[in-house]
PDB file of N, CA and C in Angstrom:
ATOM      1  N   MET A   1      34.306 -55.925  45.216  1.00  0.00           N
ATOM      2  CA  MET A   1      34.199 -56.705  44.005  1.00  0.00           C
ATOM      3  C   MET A   1      32.735 -57.061  43.752  1.00  0.00           C
ATOM      4  N   SER A   2      32.384 -57.064  42.480  1.00  0.00           N
ATOM      5  CA  SER A   2      31.027 -57.457  42.117  1.00  0.00           C
ATOM      6  C   SER A   2      30.963 -58.960  41.947  1.00  0.00           C
ATOM      7  N   GLN A   3      29.809 -59.470  41.571  1.00  0.00           N
ATOM      8  CA  GLN A   3      29.648 -60.908  41.392  1.00  0.00           C
ATOM      9  C   GLN A   3      30.509 -61.431  40.249  1.00  0.00           C
ATOM     10  N   THR A   4      30.866 -60.549  39.288  1.00  0.00           N
ATOM     11  CA  THR A   4      31.684 -60.989  38.149  1.00  0.00           C
ATOM     12  C   THR A   4      33.158 -61.074  38.498  1.00  0.00           C
ATOM     13  N   GLY A   5      33.550 -60.576  39.700  1.00  0.00           N
ATOM     14  CA  GLY A   5      34.944 -60.626  40.091  1.00  0.00           C
ATOM     15  C   GLY A   5      35.712 -59.371  39.737  1.00  0.00           C
ATOM     16  N   SER A   6      35.050 -58.361  39.145  1.00  0.00           N
ATOM     17  CA  SER A   6      35.722 -57.112  38.801  1.00  0.00           C
ATOM     18  C   SER A   6      35.233 -56.015  39.738  1.00  0.00           C
ATOM     19  N   PRO A   7      35.997 -54.976  39.919  1.00  0.00           N
ATOM     20  CA  PRO A   7      35.583 -53.882  40.786  1.00  0.00           C
ATOM     21  C   PRO A   7      34.250 -53.291  40.312  1.00  0.00           C
ATOM     22  N   PRO A   8      33.469 -52.700  41.215  1.00  0.00           N
ATOM     23  CA  PRO A   8      32.146 -52.203  40.843  1.00  0.00           C
ATOM     24  C   PRO A   8      32.164 -51.062  39.831  1.00  0.00           C
ATOM     25  N   ASN A   9      33.243 -50.341  39.708  1.00  0.00           N
ATOM     26  CA  ASN A   9      33.297 -49.239  38.745  1.00  0.00           C
ATOM     27  C   ASN A   9      33.966 -49.642  37.434  1.00  0.00           C
ATOM     28  N   ALA A  10      34.141 -50.919  37.181  1.00  0.00           N
ATOM     29  CA  ALA A  10      34.804 -51.392  35.965  1.00  0.00           C
ATOM     30  C   ALA A  10      33.777 -51.684  34.874  1.00  0.00           C
ATOM     31  N   ASN A  11      34.258 -51.692  33.629  1.00  0.00           N
ATOM     32  CA  ASN A  11      33.421 -52.102  32.502  1.00  0.00           C
ATOM     33  C   ASN A  11      33.009 -53.547  32.683  1.00  0.00           C
ATOM     34  N   SER A  12      32.026 -53.968  31.908  1.00  0.00           N
ATOM     35  CA  SER A  12      31.546 -55.347  32.016  1.00  0.00           C
ATOM     36  C   SER A  12      32.636 -56.362  31.693  1.00  0.00           C
ATOM     37  N   ASP A  13      33.621 -55.963  30.893  1.00  0.00           N
ATOM     38  CA  ASP A  13      34.704 -56.897  30.582  1.00  0.00           C
ATOM     39  C   ASP A  13      35.829 -56.820  31.615  1.00  0.00           C
ATOM     40  N   GLY A  14      35.694 -55.944  32.614  1.00  0.00           N
ATOM     41  CA  GLY A  14      36.654 -55.856  33.701  1.00  0.00           C
ATOM     42  C   GLY A  14      37.961 -55.182  33.344  1.00  0.00           C
ATOM     43  N   ARG A  15      38.017 -54.458  32.214  1.00  0.00           N
ATOM     44  CA  ARG A  15      39.287 -53.877  31.773  1.00  0.00           C
ATOM     45  C   ARG A  15      39.500 -52.438  32.192  1.00  0.00           C
ATOM     46  N   GLY A  16      38.607 -51.818  32.896  1.00  0.00           N
ATOM     47  CA  GLY A  16      38.854 -50.443  33.298  1.00  0.00           C
ATOM     48  C   GLY A  16      37.598 -49.767  33.784  1.00  0.00           C
ATOM     49  N   PRO A  17      37.727 -48.507  34.177  1.00  0.00           N
ATOM     50  CA  PRO A  17      36.574 -47.795  34.719  1.00  0.00           C
ATOM     51  C   PRO A  17      35.528 -47.524  33.651  1.00  0.00           C
ATOM     52  N   LYS A  18      34.289 -47.396  34.101  1.00  0.00           N
ATOM     53  CA  LYS A  18      33.208 -47.035  33.188  1.00  0.00           C
ATOM     54  C   LYS A  18      33.396 -45.592  32.767  1.00  0.00           C
ATOM     55  N   VAL A  19      33.185 -45.300  31.512  1.00  0.00           N
ATOM     56  CA  VAL A  19      33.281 -43.937  30.999  1.00  0.00           C
ATOM     57  C   VAL A  19      31.956 -43.632  30.318  1.00  0.00           C
ATOM     58  N   GLY A  20      31.203 -42.739  30.905  1.00  0.00           N
ATOM     59  CA  GLY A  20      29.900 -42.398  30.364  1.00  0.00           C
ATOM     60  C   GLY A  20      30.000 -41.397  29.230  1.00  0.00           C
ATOM     61  N   PRO A  21      28.896 -41.202  28.520  1.00  0.00           N
ATOM     62  CA  PRO A  21      28.874 -40.267  27.395  1.00  0.00           C
ATOM     63  C   PRO A  21      29.225 -38.834  27.797  1.00  0.00           C
ATOM     64  N   SER A  22      28.845 -38.428  29.013  1.00  0.00           N
ATOM     65  CA  SER A  22      29.145 -37.052  29.414  1.00  0.00           C
ATOM     66  C   SER A  22      30.645 -36.842  29.599  1.00  0.00           C
ATOM     67  N   VAL A  23      31.337 -37.865  30.097  1.00  0.00           N
ATOM     68  CA  VAL A  23      32.793 -37.765  30.263  1.00  0.00           C
ATOM     69  C   VAL A  23      33.460 -37.682  28.895  1.00  0.00           C
ATOM     70  N   ILE A  24      33.009 -38.501  27.978  1.00  0.00           N
ATOM     71  CA  ILE A  24      33.573 -38.483  26.621  1.00  0.00           C
ATOM     72  C   ILE A  24      33.304 -37.141  25.954  1.00  0.00           C
ATOM     73  N   ALA A  25      32.106 -36.595  26.140  1.00  0.00           N
ATOM     74  CA  ALA A  25      31.783 -35.294  25.559  1.00  0.00           C
ATOM     75  C   ALA A  25      32.678 -34.203  26.131  1.00  0.00           C
ATOM     76  N   LYS A  26      32.940 -34.251  27.427  1.00  0.00           N
ATOM     77  CA  LYS A  26      33.818 -33.258  28.056  1.00  0.00           C
ATOM     78  C   LYS A  26      35.238 -33.376  27.518  1.00  0.00           C
ATOM     79  N   MET A  27      35.712 -34.620  27.383  1.00  0.00           N
ATOM     80  CA  MET A  27      37.066 -34.822  26.854  1.00  0.00           C
ATOM     81  C   MET A  27      37.162 -34.317  25.422  1.00  0.00           C
ATOM     82  N   HIS A  28      36.115 -34.567  24.644  1.00  0.00           N
ATOM     83  CA  HIS A  28      36.088 -34.111  23.264  1.00  0.00           C
ATOM     84  C   HIS A  28      36.123 -32.586  23.199  1.00  0.00           C
ATOM     85  N   SER A  29      35.334 -31.934  24.042  1.00  0.00           N
ATOM     86  CA  SER A  29      35.302 -30.471  24.003  1.00  0.00           C
ATOM     87  C   SER A  29      36.630 -29.879  24.462  1.00  0.00           C
ATOM     88  N   ILE A  30      37.299 -30.535  25.394  1.00  0.00           N
ATOM     89  CA  ILE A  30      38.604 -30.050  25.859  1.00  0.00           C
ATOM     90  C   ILE A  30      39.653 -30.207  24.760  1.00  0.00           C
ATOM     91  N   ALA A  31      39.637 -31.342  24.074  1.00  0.00           N
ATOM     92  CA  ALA A  31      40.659 -31.630  23.058  1.00  0.00           C
ATOM     93  C   ALA A  31      40.376 -30.940  21.733  1.00  0.00           C
ATOM     94  N   SER A  32      39.123 -30.677  21.414  1.00  0.00           N
ATOM     95  CA  SER A  32      38.813 -30.154  20.090  1.00  0.00           C
ATOM     96  C   SER A  32      39.321 -28.732  19.891  1.00  0.00           C
ATOM     97  N   GLY A  33      39.389 -27.929  20.937  1.00  0.00           N
ATOM     98  CA  GLY A  33      39.879 -26.557  20.798  1.00  0.00           C
ATOM     99  C   GLY A  33      41.310 -26.494  20.288  1.00  0.00           C
ATOM    100  N   PRO A  34      42.249 -27.113  21.007  1.00  0.00           N
ATOM    101  CA  PRO A  34      43.638 -27.097  20.544  1.00  0.00           C
ATOM    102  C   PRO A  34      43.825 -27.765  19.186  1.00  0.00           C
ATOM    103  N   VAL A  35      43.089 -28.818  18.918  1.00  0.00           N
ATOM    104  CA  VAL A  35      43.208 -29.501  17.626  1.00  0.00           C
ATOM    105  C   VAL A  35      42.756 -28.579  16.507  1.00  0.00           C
ATOM    106  N   ARG A  36      41.648 -27.875  16.741  1.00  0.00           N
ATOM    107  CA  ARG A  36      41.125 -26.937  15.737  1.00  0.00           C
ATOM    108  C   ARG A  36      42.123 -25.805  15.485  1.00  0.00           C
ATOM    109  N   ILE A  37      42.716 -25.293  16.546  1.00  0.00           N
ATOM    110  CA  ILE A  37      43.706 -24.215  16.403  1.00  0.00           C
ATOM    111  C   ILE A  37      44.919 -24.707  15.618  1.00  0.00           C
ATOM    112  N   PHE A  38      45.405 -25.902  15.953  1.00  0.00           N
ATOM    113  CA  PHE A  38      46.556 -26.458  15.241  1.00  0.00           C
ATOM    114  C   PHE A  38      46.244 -26.632  13.757  1.00  0.00           C
ATOM    115  N   ALA A  39      45.045 -27.128  13.455  1.00  0.00           N
ATOM    116  CA  ALA A  39      44.646 -27.320  12.049  1.00  0.00           C
ATOM    117  C   ALA A  39      44.587 -25.980  11.325  1.00  0.00           C
ATOM    118  N   MET A  40      44.067 -24.953  11.995  1.00  0.00           N
ATOM    119  CA  MET A  40      43.983 -23.627  11.391  1.00  0.00           C
ATOM    120  C   MET A  40      45.389 -23.089  11.110  1.00  0.00           C
ATOM    121  N   TRP A  41      46.306 -23.298  12.050  1.00  0.00           N
ATOM    122  CA  TRP A  41      47.688 -22.840  11.850  1.00  0.00           C
ATOM    123  C   TRP A  41      48.338 -23.552  10.671  1.00  0.00           C
ATOM    124  N   CYS A  42      48.085 -24.841  10.520  1.00  0.00           N
ATOM    125  CA  CYS A  42      48.657 -25.601   9.394  1.00  0.00           C
ATOM    126  C   CYS A  42      48.139 -25.067   8.062  1.00  0.00           C
ATOM    127  N   VAL A  43      46.848 -24.818   7.991  1.00  0.00           N
ATOM    128  CA  VAL A  43      46.247 -24.296   6.760  1.00  0.00           C
ATOM    129  C   VAL A  43      46.813 -22.912   6.457  1.00  0.00           C
ATOM    130  N   ARG A  44      46.868 -22.058   7.476  1.00  0.00           N
ATOM    131  CA  ARG A  44      47.372 -20.701   7.293  1.00  0.00           C
ATOM    132  C   ARG A  44      48.815 -20.721   6.808  1.00  0.00           C
ATOM    133  N   SER A  45      49.629 -21.593   7.373  1.00  0.00           N
ATOM    134  CA  SER A  45      51.028 -21.695   6.965  1.00  0.00           C
ATOM    135  C   SER A  45      51.144 -22.122   5.504  1.00  0.00           C
ATOM    136  N   ALA A  46      50.350 -23.105   5.112  1.00  0.00           N
ATOM    137  CA  ALA A  46      50.378 -23.586   3.721  1.00  0.00           C
ATOM    138  C   ALA A  46      49.906 -22.504   2.756  1.00  0.00           C
ATOM    139  N   GLU A  47      48.873 -21.769   3.138  1.00  0.00           N
ATOM    140  CA  GLU A  47      48.371 -20.695   2.278  1.00  0.00           C
ATOM    141  C   GLU A  47      49.415 -19.605   2.101  1.00  0.00           C
ATOM    142  N   ARG A  48      50.114 -19.274   3.161  1.00  0.00           N
ATOM    143  CA  ARG A  48      51.131 -18.213   3.079  1.00  0.00           C
ATOM    144  C   ARG A  48      52.340 -18.673   2.278  1.00  0.00           C
ATOM    145  N   ARG A  49      52.657 -19.943   2.368  1.00  0.00           N
ATOM    146  CA  ARG A  49      53.751 -20.493   1.547  1.00  0.00           C
ATOM    147  C   ARG A  49      53.362 -20.413   0.068  1.00  0.00           C
ATOM    148  N   ALA A  50      52.106 -20.740  -0.241  1.00  0.00           N
ATOM    149  CA  ALA A  50      51.624 -20.672  -1.628  1.00  0.00           C
ATOM    150  C   ALA A  50      51.624 -19.233  -2.130  1.00  0.00           C
ATOM    151  N   LEU A  51      51.229 -18.297  -1.283  1.00  0.00           N
ATOM    152  CA  LEU A  51      51.249 -16.882  -1.680  1.00  0.00           C
ATOM    153  C   LEU A  51      52.666 -16.417  -1.986  1.00  0.00           C
ATOM    154  N   ARG A  52      53.620 -16.887  -1.186  1.00  0.00           N
ATOM    155  CA  ARG A  52      55.022 -16.512  -1.415  1.00  0.00           C
ATOM    156  C   ARG A  52      55.472 -16.984  -2.790  1.00  0.00           C
ATOM    157  N   GLU A  53      55.082 -18.195  -3.161  1.00  0.00           N
ATOM    158  CA  GLU A  53      55.438 -18.711  -4.482  1.00  0.00           C
ATOM    159  C   GLU A  53      54.694 -17.964  -5.585  1.00  0.00           C
ATOM    160  N   LEU A  54      53.454 -17.601  -5.310  1.00  0.00           N
ATOM    161  CA  LEU A  54      52.633 -16.916  -6.296  1.00  0.00           C
ATOM    162  C   LEU A  54      53.081 -15.467  -6.525  1.00  0.00           C
ATOM    163  N   ALA A  55      53.802 -14.910  -5.575  1.00  0.00           N
ATOM    164  CA  ALA A  55      54.212 -13.504  -5.662  1.00  0.00           C
ATOM    165  C   ALA A  55      55.067 -13.223  -6.893  1.00  0.00           C
ATOM    166  N   GLU A  56      55.643 -14.251  -7.466  1.00  0.00           N
ATOM    167  CA  GLU A  56      56.486 -14.072  -8.652  1.00  0.00           C
ATOM    168  C   GLU A  56      55.692 -14.103  -9.954  1.00  0.00           C
ATOM    169  N   ASP A  57      54.426 -14.445  -9.889  1.00  0.00           N
ATOM    170  CA  ASP A  57      53.593 -14.563 -11.085  1.00  0.00           C
ATOM    171  C   ASP A  57      52.512 -13.481 -11.080  1.00  0.00           C
ATOM    172  N   ARG A  58      52.800 -12.360 -11.715  1.00  0.00           N
ATOM    173  CA  ARG A  58      51.881 -11.209 -11.698  1.00  0.00           C
ATOM    174  C   ARG A  58      50.524 -11.531 -12.325  1.00  0.00           C
ATOM    175  N   HIS A  59      50.500 -12.377 -13.329  1.00  0.00           N
ATOM    176  CA  HIS A  59      49.228 -12.714 -13.983  1.00  0.00           C
ATOM    177  C   HIS A  59      48.305 -13.465 -13.033  1.00  0.00           C
ATOM    178  N   ARG A  60      48.844 -14.438 -12.349  1.00  0.00           N
ATOM    179  CA  ARG A  60      48.013 -15.195 -11.404  1.00  0.00           C
ATOM    180  C   ARG A  60      47.613 -14.338 -10.213  1.00  0.00           C
ATOM    181  N   LEU A  61      48.499 -13.452  -9.779  1.00  0.00           N
ATOM    182  CA  LEU A  61      48.146 -12.541  -8.681  1.00  0.00           C
ATOM    183  C   LEU A  61      46.991 -11.630  -9.086  1.00  0.00           C
ATOM    184  N   SER A  62      47.029 -11.138 -10.316  1.00  0.00           N
ATOM    185  CA  SER A  62      45.938 -10.271 -10.763  1.00  0.00           C
ATOM    186  C   SER A  62      44.629 -11.056 -10.860  1.00  0.00           C
ATOM    187  N   ASP A  63      44.716 -12.349 -11.131  1.00  0.00           N
ATOM    188  CA  ASP A  63      43.517 -13.193 -11.157  1.00  0.00           C
ATOM    189  C   ASP A  63      42.825 -13.233  -9.801  1.00  0.00           C
ATOM    190  N   ILE A  64      43.599 -13.202  -8.716  1.00  0.00           N
ATOM    191  CA  ILE A  64      42.998 -13.240  -7.384  1.00  0.00           C
ATOM    192  C   ILE A  64      42.881 -11.844  -6.765  1.00  0.00           C
ATOM    193  N   GLY A  65      43.271 -10.837  -7.517  1.00  0.00           N
ATOM    194  CA  GLY A  65      43.082  -9.459  -7.065  1.00  0.00           C
ATOM    195  C   GLY A  65      44.071  -8.966  -6.032  1.00  0.00           C
ATOM    196  N   LEU A  66      45.305  -9.447  -6.095  1.00  0.00           N
ATOM    197  CA  LEU A  66      46.333  -9.009  -5.158  1.00  0.00           C
ATOM    198  C   LEU A  66      47.527  -8.446  -5.906  1.00  0.00           C
ATOM    199  N   SER A  67      48.170  -7.486  -5.288  1.00  0.00           N
ATOM    200  CA  SER A  67      49.430  -6.985  -5.835  1.00  0.00           C
ATOM    201  C   SER A  67      50.560  -7.853  -5.274  1.00  0.00           C
ATOM    202  N   ARG A  68      51.724  -7.725  -5.872  1.00  0.00           N
ATOM    203  CA  ARG A  68      52.887  -8.492  -5.396  1.00  0.00           C
ATOM    204  C   ARG A  68      53.209  -8.111  -3.956  1.00  0.00           C
ATOM    205  N   GLU A  69      53.103  -6.820  -3.657  1.00  0.00           N
ATOM    206  CA  GLU A  69      53.403  -6.333  -2.306  1.00  0.00           C
ATOM    207  C   GLU A  69      52.429  -6.911  -1.280  1.00  0.00           C
ATOM    208  N   GLN A  70      51.135  -6.960  -1.640  1.00  0.00           N
ATOM    209  CA  GLN A  70      50.134  -7.520  -0.730  1.00  0.00           C
ATOM    210  C   GLN A  70      50.406  -9.003  -0.470  1.00  0.00           C
ATOM    211  N   ALA A  71      50.740  -9.731  -1.517  1.00  0.00           N
ATOM    212  CA  ALA A  71      51.015 -11.160  -1.376  1.00  0.00           C
ATOM    213  C   ALA A  71      52.241 -11.389  -0.497  1.00  0.00           C
ATOM    214  N   LEU A  72      53.284 -10.618  -0.709  1.00  0.00           N
ATOM    215  CA  LEU A  72      54.488 -10.768   0.098  1.00  0.00           C
ATOM    216  C   LEU A  72      54.238 -10.365   1.549  1.00  0.00           C
ATOM    217  N   ARG A  73      53.494  -9.295   1.759  1.00  0.00           N
ATOM    218  CA  ARG A  73      53.182  -8.851   3.116  1.00  0.00           C
ATOM    219  C   ARG A  73      52.424  -9.946   3.878  1.00  0.00           C
ATOM    220  N   GLU A  74      51.429 -10.544   3.230  1.00  0.00           N
ATOM    221  CA  GLU A  74      50.652 -11.612   3.869  1.00  0.00           C
ATOM    222  C   GLU A  74      51.509 -12.859   4.089  1.00  0.00           C
ATOM    223  N   SER A  75      52.366 -13.187   3.142  1.00  0.00           N
ATOM    224  CA  SER A  75      53.186 -14.395   3.259  1.00  0.00           C
ATOM    225  C   SER A  75      54.242 -14.273   4.357  1.00  0.00           C
ATOM    226  N   GLU A  76      54.598 -13.056   4.721  1.00  0.00           N
ATOM    227  CA  GLU A  76      55.613 -12.853   5.757  1.00  0.00           C
ATOM    228  C   GLU A  76      55.049 -12.950   7.170  1.00  0.00           C
ATOM    229  N   LYS A  77      53.727 -12.941   7.308  1.00  0.00           N
ATOM    230  CA  LYS A  77      53.121 -13.040   8.633  1.00  0.00           C
ATOM    231  C   LYS A  77      53.404 -14.416   9.215  1.00  0.00           C
ATOM    232  N   LEU A  78      53.562 -14.462  10.525  1.00  0.00           N
ATOM    233  CA  LEU A  78      53.759 -15.722  11.228  1.00  0.00           C
ATOM    234  C   LEU A  78      52.440 -16.499  11.247  1.00  0.00           C
ATOM    235  N   PHE A  79      52.519 -17.821  11.265  1.00  0.00           N
ATOM    236  CA  PHE A  79      51.335 -18.652  11.091  1.00  0.00           C
ATOM    237  C   PHE A  79      50.262 -18.427  12.155  1.00  0.00           C
ATOM    238  N   TRP A  80      50.630 -17.964  13.339  1.00  0.00           N
ATOM    239  CA  TRP A  80      49.626 -17.770  14.377  1.00  0.00           C
ATOM    240  C   TRP A  80      48.965 -16.396  14.302  1.00  0.00           C
ATOM    241  N   ARG A  81      49.451 -15.540  13.411  1.00  0.00           N
ATOM    242  CA  ARG A  81      48.851 -14.220  13.247  1.00  0.00           C
ATOM    243  C   ARG A  81      47.736 -14.267  12.199  1.00  0.00           C
ATOM    244  N   PRO A  82      46.564 -13.723  12.542  1.00  0.00           N
ATOM    245  CA  PRO A  82      45.469 -13.703  11.545  1.00  0.00           C
ATOM    246  C   PRO A  82      45.771 -12.776  10.384  1.00  0.00           C
TER     247      PRO A  82
END
């Protein structure tokens, strides 16, 4: 115990272990990968859902330069497939 009555590895308020910036940076780098992948999958899923709806509107499809077949083919892909 330190002079404050808390263990030597505790924060100044005595509520838990000290966590330095390097530990936080490591935790951030570990967590950011899966979070980024999940976000990409969500966006991809929403885009493919929108393409599926757009496949019925030939005028709007021609505006973005896709045929109905291309839009349907892309919309049928699973969200984790690029």
